[in-house]
């Protein structure tokens, strides 16, 4: 039960803390103090302009402010960035292989039934992440999330948390033979995650969102490769320690709501735990979940359990979201320091 409930709670608290930290950055603070954006978070106004038009205009102004006229980089700088990025990615991949994957499988490689089950799980994970992204963008463009957040953001978070847990538990409870209710609840779960993720689109520019997505895919891809090629059941012992790590990260996430604003050093320390400790914890959960998928494939091959790639994909989707949200916040903090 603790494993089932660990990540939806963290996703909702992540968005609350991310929104508080993100609005402290320089570009967003200047945007809210600027004149055209004065009505952005005002739910009542005497102007005849509709709420949806105000939301779209405000977001366009924020994009214009946050993204000044771009200069075309010369070929040397672009090539240098590509080389540095490739070297960092290659070095990280080699380091992960040397540290975590020194003992590879001894059974002659991954059997076909494990490979098929893992590929099916990754396919559902990709489809789920796609549904989350499309639903978040649709809610942002329609102004639905703006109106909801302007009315009462805590109602959105608490209601989204309840729907997230309810649809997730319903999806896990339905048999994989009942395709319509199974995929209906799974789609509702992904749409709920998209609703919780939509407020990030008001805070971060699209280029930063795209970078965070690429970094998340690279991180999870490399960790998943390690989990798939490592020795059987090598990392399944991580379940208990990772749950303890999630508890620590959750406590650090609630610190700004408890500690006074004068405790600057303590707040900075807890923020680092929430950001970088959360990256480590959910990276570990990715490793654990991939090996758990392979373990379930072996059990299903023996007839002990039933194959259910939809249920397996939920854990990987939530790993992706938790890592992605932290990547967005880290990139926004770096952008604020440069300015």
Protein backbone atom coordinates (compact mmCIF):
# COMPACT_ATOMS: atom_id res chain seq x y z
CA UNK A 1 0.00 0.00 0.00
CA UNK A 2 2.83 2.38 0.79
CA UNK A 3 4.35 1.73 -2.61
CA UNK A 4 1.04 2.49 -4.34
CA UNK A 5 0.50 5.75 -2.51
CA UNK A 6 4.01 7.13 -2.52
CA UNK A 7 4.10 9.08 -5.75
CA UNK A 8 0.70 10.78 -6.24
CA UNK A 9 1.18 12.49 -2.87
CA UNK A 10 4.61 13.60 -3.93
CA UNK A 11 3.41 14.90 -7.29
CA UNK A 12 0.81 17.20 -5.75
CA UNK A 13 3.14 18.55 -3.05
CA UNK A 14 5.79 18.98 -5.72
CA UNK A 15 3.56 21.32 -7.72
CA UNK A 16 2.71 23.39 -4.65
CA UNK A 17 6.35 23.85 -3.66
CA UNK A 18 7.44 24.32 -7.27
CA UNK A 19 4.92 27.10 -7.76
CA UNK A 20 6.14 28.92 -4.64
CA UNK A 21 9.79 28.68 -5.62
CA UNK A 22 9.20 29.43 -9.27
CA UNK A 23 7.40 32.71 -8.61
CA UNK A 24 10.48 33.93 -6.72
CA UNK A 25 12.61 33.90 -9.83
CA UNK A 26 13.63 37.22 -11.32
CA UNK A 27 11.78 37.11 -14.67
CA UNK A 28 8.50 35.95 -13.18
CA UNK A 29 8.71 38.45 -10.32
CA UNK A 30 9.33 41.27 -12.76
CA UNK A 31 6.48 40.00 -14.90
CA UNK A 32 4.04 40.13 -12.02
CA UNK A 33 5.16 43.60 -11.05
CA UNK A 34 4.83 44.86 -14.59
CA UNK A 35 1.82 46.82 -15.68
CA UNK A 36 0.30 44.63 -18.44
CA UNK A 37 0.23 41.58 -16.14
CA UNK A 38 -1.57 43.30 -13.27
CA UNK A 39 -4.82 41.47 -13.98
CA UNK A 40 -3.23 38.06 -14.52
CA UNK A 41 -4.10 36.66 -11.11
CA UNK A 42 -7.20 38.83 -10.54
CA UNK A 43 -10.39 36.84 -10.74
CA UNK A 44 -12.72 39.90 -10.67
CA UNK A 45 -12.37 42.93 -12.86
CA UNK A 46 -14.63 45.53 -14.41
CA UNK A 47 -12.96 45.27 -17.81
CA UNK A 48 -15.14 43.65 -20.50
CA UNK A 49 -12.31 41.39 -21.61
CA UNK A 50 -12.98 37.71 -20.90
CA UNK A 51 -10.89 35.68 -18.49
CA UNK A 52 -9.59 33.46 -21.27
CA UNK A 53 -8.40 36.42 -23.37
CA UNK A 54 -6.64 37.92 -20.35
CA UNK A 55 -4.87 34.66 -19.61
CA UNK A 56 -3.65 34.27 -23.18
CA UNK A 57 -2.52 37.90 -23.44
CA UNK A 58 -0.68 37.71 -20.13
CA UNK A 59 1.10 34.53 -21.11
CA UNK A 60 2.18 36.01 -24.45
CA UNK A 61 3.55 39.06 -22.66
CA UNK A 62 5.42 36.83 -20.20
CA UNK A 63 6.93 34.85 -23.06
CA UNK A 64 7.98 38.05 -24.77
CA UNK A 65 9.54 39.34 -21.57
CA UNK A 66 11.30 36.14 -20.61
CA UNK A 67 12.60 35.43 -24.09
CA UNK A 68 14.25 38.57 -25.47
CA UNK A 69 15.31 38.90 -29.04
CA UNK A 70 17.39 35.85 -29.72
CA UNK A 71 20.75 36.21 -31.35
CA UNK A 72 21.88 33.59 -33.79
CA UNK A 73 24.85 31.81 -32.25
CA UNK A 74 27.86 31.26 -34.40
CA UNK A 75 28.86 27.81 -35.46
CA UNK A 76 31.75 27.61 -33.03
CA UNK A 77 29.63 28.22 -29.93
CA UNK A 78 26.96 25.81 -31.11
CA UNK A 79 29.51 23.11 -31.86
CA UNK A 80 31.17 23.70 -28.49
CA UNK A 81 27.85 23.30 -26.68
CA UNK A 82 27.10 20.12 -28.59
CA UNK A 83 30.50 18.68 -27.78
CA UNK A 84 30.23 19.59 -24.10
CA UNK A 85 26.72 18.15 -23.89
CA UNK A 86 27.76 14.96 -25.65
CA UNK A 87 30.80 14.59 -23.41
CA UNK A 88 28.70 15.07 -20.26
CA UNK A 89 26.10 12.56 -21.42
CA UNK A 90 28.73 10.02 -22.47
CA UNK A 91 30.68 10.45 -19.26
CA UNK A 92 27.56 10.09 -17.14
CA UNK A 93 26.52 6.97 -19.04
CA UNK A 94 29.96 5.38 -18.62
CA UNK A 95 30.06 6.29 -14.93
CA UNK A 96 26.63 4.77 -14.35
CA UNK A 97 27.72 1.60 -16.14
CA UNK A 98 30.93 1.31 -14.12
CA UNK A 99 29.31 2.02 -10.75
CA UNK A 100 25.91 0.36 -10.98
CA UNK A 101 26.23 -2.18 -13.75
CA UNK A 102 29.48 -4.03 -13.13
CA UNK A 103 27.61 -7.29 -12.63
CA UNK A 104 25.51 -7.95 -15.72
CA UNK A 105 23.13 -10.81 -16.41
CA UNK A 106 24.61 -14.29 -16.34
CA UNK A 107 21.76 -16.10 -18.12
CA UNK A 108 22.85 -15.30 -21.65
CA UNK A 109 20.85 -12.10 -22.03
CA UNK A 110 17.22 -11.10 -21.67
CA UNK A 111 14.74 -13.85 -22.63
CA UNK A 112 12.12 -13.00 -25.30
CA UNK A 113 9.20 -12.94 -22.84
CA UNK A 114 11.01 -10.45 -20.57
CA UNK A 115 11.92 -8.27 -23.52
CA UNK A 116 8.36 -8.29 -24.85
CA UNK A 117 6.87 -7.40 -21.45
CA UNK A 118 9.41 -4.61 -20.89
CA UNK A 119 8.80 -3.18 -24.37
CA UNK A 120 5.04 -3.29 -23.79
CA UNK A 121 5.49 -1.46 -20.49
CA UNK A 122 7.69 1.22 -22.07
CA UNK A 123 5.14 1.67 -24.88
CA UNK A 124 2.35 2.29 -22.37
CA UNK A 125 4.63 4.62 -20.41
CA UNK A 126 5.32 6.68 -23.52
CA UNK A 127 1.62 6.81 -24.40
CA UNK A 128 0.75 7.86 -20.85
CA UNK A 129 3.35 10.64 -20.83
CA UNK A 130 2.02 11.80 -24.20
CA UNK A 131 -1.55 11.94 -22.87
CA UNK A 132 -0.35 13.89 -19.84
CA UNK A 133 1.50 16.41 -22.03
CA UNK A 134 -1.37 16.89 -24.49
CA UNK A 135 -3.98 17.26 -21.75
CA UNK A 136 -1.81 19.76 -19.85
CA UNK A 137 -1.32 21.85 -22.98
CA UNK A 138 -5.04 21.72 -23.87
CA UNK A 139 -6.06 22.83 -20.38
CA UNK A 140 -3.51 25.63 -20.47
CA UNK A 141 -4.58 26.93 -23.89
CA UNK A 142 -8.28 26.79 -23.02
CA UNK A 143 -7.73 28.81 -19.84
CA UNK A 144 -9.42 26.15 -17.72
CA UNK A 145 -6.53 25.77 -15.29
CA UNK A 146 -6.09 29.54 -15.08
CA UNK A 147 -9.66 29.97 -13.92
CA UNK A 148 -9.37 27.09 -11.47
CA UNK A 149 -6.07 28.27 -10.01
CA UNK A 150 -7.31 31.86 -9.79
CA UNK A 151 -10.36 30.71 -7.85
CA UNK A 152 -8.65 28.50 -5.26
CA UNK A 153 -5.35 26.70 -5.97
CA UNK A 154 -5.61 24.51 -2.86
CA UNK A 155 -8.94 23.11 -4.04
CA UNK A 156 -7.26 22.22 -7.32
CA UNK A 157 -4.39 20.47 -5.54
CA UNK A 158 -6.54 18.58 -3.05
CA UNK A 159 -9.15 17.65 -5.64
CA UNK A 160 -6.45 16.65 -8.13
CA UNK A 161 -4.79 14.55 -5.45
CA UNK A 162 -8.05 12.74 -4.71
CA UNK A 163 -8.77 12.09 -8.38
CA UNK A 164 -5.19 10.96 -8.93
CA UNK A 165 -5.32 8.40 -6.13
CA UNK A 166 -8.83 7.26 -7.02
CA UNK A 167 -8.18 6.71 -10.72
CA UNK A 168 -4.83 5.05 -10.02
CA UNK A 169 -6.30 2.60 -7.54
CA UNK A 170 -9.21 1.92 -9.87
CA UNK A 171 -6.84 1.22 -12.75
CA UNK A 172 -4.80 -1.18 -10.66
CA UNK A 173 -7.90 -2.97 -9.38
CA UNK A 174 -9.48 -3.65 -12.80
CA UNK A 175 -8.49 -6.88 -14.52
CA UNK A 176 -6.44 -6.50 -17.73
CA UNK A 177 -9.13 -8.52 -19.54
CA UNK A 178 -11.65 -5.67 -19.09
CA UNK A 179 -10.10 -3.41 -21.71
CA UNK A 180 -12.68 -0.61 -21.75
CA UNK A 181 -12.82 0.18 -17.99
CA UNK A 182 -9.09 -0.51 -17.64
CA UNK A 183 -7.99 1.93 -20.33
CA UNK A 184 -10.76 4.38 -19.42
CA UNK A 185 -9.51 4.68 -15.85
CA UNK A 186 -5.90 4.78 -17.05
CA UNK A 187 -6.73 7.65 -19.43
CA UNK A 188 -8.55 9.49 -16.63
CA UNK A 189 -5.50 9.04 -14.41
CA UNK A 190 -3.22 10.54 -17.07
CA UNK A 191 -5.60 13.47 -17.66
CA UNK A 192 -5.58 14.13 -13.92
CA UNK A 193 -1.79 14.25 -13.93
CA UNK A 194 -1.97 16.65 -16.88
CA UNK A 195 -4.26 18.93 -14.89
CA UNK A 196 -1.79 18.95 -12.00
CA UNK A 197 1.08 19.65 -14.40
CA UNK A 198 -0.65 22.44 -16.38
CA UNK A 199 0.25 25.28 -13.92
CA UNK A 200 3.93 24.76 -14.80
CA UNK A 201 3.16 26.08 -18.28
CA UNK A 202 2.32 29.47 -16.74
CA UNK A 203 5.67 29.61 -14.95
CA UNK A 204 8.31 28.31 -17.38
CA UNK A 205 8.94 29.21 -21.04
CA UNK A 206 8.45 26.47 -23.64
CA UNK A 207 12.19 26.19 -24.38
CA UNK A 208 12.92 25.44 -20.75
CA UNK A 209 10.10 22.87 -20.63
CA UNK A 210 11.58 21.15 -23.69
CA UNK A 211 15.06 21.07 -22.14
CA UNK A 212 13.72 19.60 -18.93
CA UNK A 213 11.89 16.94 -20.91
CA UNK A 214 15.05 15.98 -22.83
CA UNK A 215 17.10 15.80 -19.63
CA UNK A 216 14.44 13.65 -17.99
CA UNK A 217 14.32 11.27 -20.95
CA UNK A 218 18.12 10.99 -20.96
CA UNK A 219 18.26 10.33 -17.22
CA UNK A 220 15.49 7.75 -17.18
CA UNK A 221 16.75 6.11 -20.38
CA UNK A 222 20.23 5.54 -19.01
CA UNK A 223 18.92 4.27 -15.65
CA UNK A 224 16.42 1.99 -17.39
CA UNK A 225 19.21 0.51 -19.49
CA UNK A 226 21.15 -0.27 -16.33
CA UNK A 227 18.11 -1.86 -14.74
CA UNK A 228 17.39 -3.96 -17.82
CA UNK A 229 20.93 -5.26 -18.26
CA UNK A 230 21.94 -5.68 -14.61
CA UNK A 231 21.96 -8.98 -12.79
CA UNK A 232 18.51 -10.39 -12.05
CA UNK A 233 16.84 -8.94 -8.96
CA UNK A 234 20.01 -7.03 -8.10
CA UNK A 235 18.20 -3.81 -7.19
CA UNK A 236 14.90 -5.12 -5.86
CA UNK A 237 16.17 -4.62 -2.32
CA UNK A 238 15.97 -0.84 -2.89
CA UNK A 239 12.21 -0.75 -2.27
CA UNK A 240 12.41 -0.16 1.48
CA UNK A 241 15.27 2.38 1.47
CA UNK A 242 13.61 4.32 -1.35
CA UNK A 243 10.35 4.59 0.59
CA UNK A 244 12.34 6.02 3.51
CA UNK A 245 13.96 8.46 1.09
CA UNK A 246 10.55 9.53 -0.22
CA UNK A 247 9.44 10.26 3.35
CA UNK A 248 12.52 12.43 3.92
CA UNK A 249 11.99 14.30 0.64
CA UNK A 250 8.31 14.84 1.47
CA UNK A 251 9.18 16.29 4.89
CA UNK A 252 11.70 18.65 3.29
CA UNK A 253 9.05 19.71 0.77
CA UNK A 254 6.71 20.78 3.58
CA UNK A 255 9.46 22.72 5.37
CA UNK A 256 8.59 26.14 3.80
CA UNK A 257 5.06 25.80 5.20
CA UNK A 258 6.35 25.24 8.76
CA UNK A 259 9.69 27.05 9.17
CA UNK A 260 9.79 30.86 9.45
CA UNK A 261 11.15 32.91 6.59
CA UNK A 262 14.08 34.03 8.75
CA UNK A 263 15.54 30.49 8.79
CA UNK A 264 17.26 31.08 5.47
CA UNK A 265 19.98 28.46 5.80
CA UNK A 266 17.60 25.76 6.96
CA UNK A 267 15.18 26.51 4.13
CA UNK A 268 18.01 26.42 1.59
CA UNK A 269 19.16 23.07 2.98
CA UNK A 270 15.68 21.56 2.84
CA UNK A 271 15.21 22.90 -0.69
CA UNK A 272 18.38 21.13 -1.81
CA UNK A 273 17.13 17.91 -0.22
CA UNK A 274 13.81 18.28 -1.99
CA UNK A 275 15.40 19.01 -5.38
CA UNK A 276 18.57 16.94 -5.62
CA UNK A 277 17.58 14.33 -3.05
CA UNK A 278 14.32 13.90 -4.93
CA UNK A 279 16.21 13.40 -8.19
CA UNK A 280 18.29 10.67 -6.56
CA UNK A 281 15.28 8.99 -4.94
CA UNK A 282 13.12 8.89 -8.05
CA UNK A 283 16.10 7.89 -10.18
CA UNK A 284 16.44 4.96 -7.78
CA UNK A 285 12.74 4.24 -8.13
CA UNK A 286 13.21 4.08 -11.92
CA UNK A 287 15.92 1.48 -11.44
CA UNK A 288 13.75 -0.44 -8.99
CA UNK A 289 10.63 -0.28 -11.17
CA UNK A 290 12.43 -1.56 -14.27
CA UNK A 291 13.79 -4.55 -12.39
CA UNK A 292 10.34 -5.09 -10.86
CA UNK A 293 8.86 -5.27 -14.36
CA UNK A 294 11.35 -7.96 -15.32
CA UNK A 295 10.65 -9.83 -12.08
CA UNK A 296 6.91 -9.73 -12.79
CA UNK A 297 7.58 -10.99 -16.31
CA UNK A 298 9.31 -14.05 -14.88
CA UNK A 299 6.46 -14.65 -12.43
CA UNK A 300 3.89 -14.29 -15.22
CA UNK A 301 5.80 -16.77 -17.37
CA UNK A 302 5.44 -19.32 -14.56
CA UNK A 303 1.72 -18.58 -14.26
CA UNK A 304 1.95 -17.06 -10.78
CA UNK A 305 0.59 -13.62 -11.74
CA UNK A 306 -1.07 -12.05 -14.77
CA UNK A 307 0.67 -9.71 -17.14
CA UNK A 308 -0.51 -6.11 -16.79
CA UNK A 309 1.64 -3.59 -18.62
CA UNK A 310 -0.80 -0.77 -17.79
CA UNK A 311 -0.23 -1.15 -14.06
CA UNK A 312 3.52 -1.39 -14.59
CA UNK A 313 3.56 1.81 -16.63
CA UNK A 314 1.88 3.88 -13.89
CA UNK A 315 4.95 3.67 -11.65
CA UNK A 316 7.30 4.68 -14.47
CA UNK A 317 5.03 7.57 -15.48
CA UNK A 318 5.08 8.96 -11.96
CA UNK A 319 8.86 8.54 -11.81
CA UNK A 320 9.04 10.58 -15.02
CA UNK A 321 6.79 13.34 -13.66
CA UNK A 322 8.64 13.68 -10.38
CA UNK A 323 12.01 13.91 -12.14
CA UNK A 324 10.64 16.28 -14.80
CA UNK A 325 9.18 18.74 -12.28
CA UNK A 326 12.50 18.92 -10.44
CA UNK A 327 14.37 19.43 -13.69
CA UNK A 328 12.09 22.35 -14.54
CA UNK A 329 12.65 23.99 -11.17
CA UNK A 330 16.43 23.51 -11.30
CA UNK A 331 16.60 25.05 -14.77
CA UNK A 332 14.43 27.98 -13.67
CA UNK A 333 16.72 28.61 -10.70
CA UNK A 334 19.77 28.58 -12.98
CA UNK A 335 18.07 30.96 -15.36
CA UNK A 336 17.25 33.31 -12.48
CA UNK A 337 20.87 33.33 -11.29
CA UNK A 338 22.16 34.26 -14.76
CA UNK A 339 19.90 37.29 -14.83
